């Protein structure tokens, strides 16, 4: 994963804490589970041993991915964000021109996206469609459901 991942300082800290927990708690627990399963006899017919090894492999893959993400992460500070156009960390109030529903989304990086909290990824169809747009512009967004037009009503931090 060589693409730069833009995150807030808080998200980067959470990622580092999660990686540390995986290394200090989860990895030793996986090793213990393998050792316990190994003691139970023939490894050829030991489903518990196979499951423990598989769990360890998945854990190691997750750790490698997280290490890669941390290595390519760049911290974005909201104080330095330009609000003249829709950018990372800006809150964009939009109106769907078809049904006149208005909503506000904060544009965030992939790791911070949470639709329930009103945070959408800049890599999502709507996020991509809003990026770079200014107040008063019409954003045409190609979604799986078809083309949707949004008017950009406001851009804030």
Protein backbone atom coordinates (compact mmCIF):
# COMPACT_ATOMS: atom_id res chain seq x y z
CA UNK A 1 0.00 0.00 0.00
CA UNK A 2 2.00 2.93 -1.30
CA UNK A 3 -0.76 5.56 -1.48
CA UNK A 4 -0.58 8.34 1.05
CA UNK A 5 -3.31 8.14 3.66
CA UNK A 6 -4.45 11.47 5.10
CA UNK A 7 -5.55 11.29 8.72
CA UNK A 8 -6.00 13.52 11.73
CA UNK A 9 -3.49 13.35 14.56
CA UNK A 10 -6.06 11.53 16.74
CA UNK A 11 -6.64 8.81 14.14
CA UNK A 12 -2.91 8.25 13.71
CA UNK A 13 -2.57 7.85 17.48
CA UNK A 14 -5.44 5.32 17.51
CA UNK A 15 -3.73 3.37 14.71
CA UNK A 16 -0.46 3.31 16.67
CA UNK A 17 -2.27 2.19 19.84
CA UNK A 18 -4.04 -0.59 17.93
CA UNK A 19 -0.75 -1.81 16.45
CA UNK A 20 0.90 -1.77 19.89
CA UNK A 21 -2.00 -3.78 21.35
CA UNK A 22 -1.74 -6.31 18.55
CA UNK A 23 1.99 -6.73 19.16
CA UNK A 24 1.88 -6.82 22.97
CA UNK A 25 -1.44 -8.60 23.66
CA UNK A 26 -2.86 -10.33 20.58
CA UNK A 27 0.38 -11.81 19.20
CA UNK A 28 1.38 -13.51 22.51
CA UNK A 29 -2.19 -14.80 22.94
CA UNK A 30 -2.06 -16.34 19.46
CA UNK A 31 1.28 -17.99 20.25
CA UNK A 32 -0.15 -19.41 23.50
CA UNK A 33 -3.19 -20.78 21.63
CA UNK A 34 -0.87 -22.54 19.15
CA UNK A 35 1.23 -23.99 21.97
CA UNK A 36 -1.85 -25.26 23.82
CA UNK A 37 -3.27 -26.84 20.67
CA UNK A 38 0.09 -28.44 19.86
CA UNK A 39 0.09 -30.16 23.26
CA UNK A 40 -3.19 -31.87 22.44
CA UNK A 41 -1.64 -34.43 20.12
CA UNK A 42 -1.34 -35.28 16.44
CA UNK A 43 -1.07 -32.07 14.40
CA UNK A 44 -2.44 -33.71 11.23
CA UNK A 45 -5.91 -34.13 12.73
CA UNK A 46 -5.87 -31.21 15.16
CA UNK A 47 -8.48 -28.67 14.03
CA UNK A 48 -7.76 -26.46 17.03
CA UNK A 49 -4.10 -26.20 15.97
CA UNK A 50 -5.09 -25.36 12.38
CA UNK A 51 -7.50 -22.68 13.58
CA UNK A 52 -4.89 -21.16 15.91
CA UNK A 53 -2.32 -21.05 13.07
CA UNK A 54 -4.87 -19.47 10.73
CA UNK A 55 -5.75 -16.87 13.38
CA UNK A 56 -2.07 -16.07 13.81
CA UNK A 57 -1.64 -15.62 10.04
CA UNK A 58 -4.60 -13.25 9.85
CA UNK A 59 -3.26 -11.26 12.82
CA UNK A 60 0.18 -10.94 11.22
CA UNK A 61 -1.41 -9.76 7.94
CA UNK A 62 -3.47 -7.14 9.80
CA UNK A 63 -0.36 -5.95 11.62
CA UNK A 64 1.59 -5.66 8.35
CA UNK A 65 -1.25 -3.66 6.75
CA UNK A 66 -1.51 -1.34 9.76
CA UNK A 67 2.27 -0.80 9.79
CA UNK A 68 2.12 0.08 6.10
CA UNK A 69 -0.76 2.50 6.66
CA UNK A 70 1.08 4.20 9.54
CA UNK A 71 4.23 4.50 7.43
CA UNK A 72 2.35 6.26 4.61
CA UNK A 73 0.05 8.36 6.83
CA UNK A 74 0.21 12.12 6.66
CA UNK A 75 -1.36 14.27 9.35
CA UNK A 76 -3.82 16.92 8.20
CA UNK A 77 -4.47 19.86 10.53
CA UNK A 78 -7.91 21.47 10.30
CA UNK A 79 -6.35 24.88 10.98
CA UNK A 80 -4.57 24.76 7.61
CA UNK A 81 -7.58 23.74 5.50
CA UNK A 82 -8.81 26.06 2.76
CA UNK A 83 -12.61 26.46 3.03
CA UNK A 84 -13.05 28.22 -0.31
CA UNK A 85 -13.58 24.78 -1.86
CA UNK A 86 -14.47 21.28 -0.65
CA UNK A 87 -11.29 19.69 0.73
CA UNK A 88 -10.23 17.07 3.21
CA UNK A 89 -11.66 17.89 6.69
CA UNK A 90 -14.16 20.46 5.39
CA UNK A 91 -17.84 20.15 6.23
CA UNK A 92 -19.93 20.49 3.08
CA UNK A 93 -23.64 21.20 3.23
CA UNK A 94 -25.31 19.94 0.07
CA UNK A 95 -28.84 19.68 -1.29
CA UNK A 96 -29.94 16.81 -3.49
CA UNK A 97 -31.59 18.56 -6.43
CA UNK A 98 -33.92 15.62 -7.13
CA UNK A 99 -35.58 15.38 -3.71
CA UNK A 100 -34.51 18.74 -2.16
CA UNK A 101 -33.04 16.98 0.90
CA UNK A 102 -30.22 18.87 2.55
CA UNK A 103 -27.37 17.19 4.43
CA UNK A 104 -23.95 18.03 5.79
CA UNK A 105 -20.94 15.75 5.42
CA UNK A 106 -17.38 16.09 6.59
CA UNK A 107 -14.88 14.91 3.99
CA UNK A 108 -12.33 12.63 5.66
CA UNK A 109 -9.75 10.00 4.82
CA UNK A 110 -10.68 6.35 4.30
CA UNK A 111 -9.72 5.34 7.87
CA UNK A 112 -12.01 7.94 9.48
CA UNK A 113 -15.14 7.48 7.36
CA UNK A 114 -18.31 6.93 9.42
CA UNK A 115 -21.59 7.64 7.67
CA UNK A 116 -23.58 7.64 10.94
CA UNK A 117 -21.33 10.45 12.20
CA UNK A 118 -21.68 12.34 8.92
CA UNK A 119 -18.12 11.61 7.81
CA UNK A 120 -17.62 10.37 4.25
CA UNK A 121 -14.41 9.27 2.60
CA UNK A 122 -12.86 11.43 -0.09
CA UNK A 123 -12.55 8.15 -2.03
CA UNK A 124 -16.32 7.46 -1.99
CA UNK A 125 -18.37 8.41 -5.07
CA UNK A 126 -19.97 11.40 -3.28
CA UNK A 127 -16.65 12.43 -1.70
CA UNK A 128 -14.90 12.37 -5.10
CA UNK A 129 -17.74 14.35 -6.64
CA UNK A 130 -17.58 17.06 -3.98
CA UNK A 131 -13.78 17.50 -3.84
CA UNK A 132 -12.64 20.79 -5.30
CA UNK A 133 -16.15 22.22 -5.70
CA UNK A 134 -16.95 25.71 -4.42
CA UNK A 135 -20.05 27.17 -2.77
CA UNK A 136 -22.86 27.57 -5.33
CA UNK A 137 -21.53 24.92 -7.73
CA UNK A 138 -23.49 21.86 -8.83
CA UNK A 139 -21.73 18.54 -8.23
CA UNK A 140 -22.72 15.67 -10.49
CA UNK A 141 -21.99 12.40 -8.72
CA UNK A 142 -22.08 9.02 -10.44
CA UNK A 143 -23.29 6.50 -7.86
CA UNK A 144 -24.33 2.86 -8.20
CA UNK A 145 -27.93 4.15 -8.18
CA UNK A 146 -27.24 6.54 -11.08
CA UNK A 147 -26.29 10.18 -11.57
CA UNK A 148 -27.19 12.46 -8.66
CA UNK A 149 -26.88 16.25 -8.72
CA UNK A 150 -26.07 18.18 -5.55
CA UNK A 151 -25.88 21.93 -5.04
CA UNK A 152 -23.05 23.02 -2.74
CA UNK A 153 -24.73 25.25 -0.13
CA UNK A 154 -21.92 25.85 2.36
CA UNK A 155 -18.33 24.84 3.16
CA UNK A 156 -16.93 25.18 6.70
CA UNK A 157 -14.44 23.53 9.04
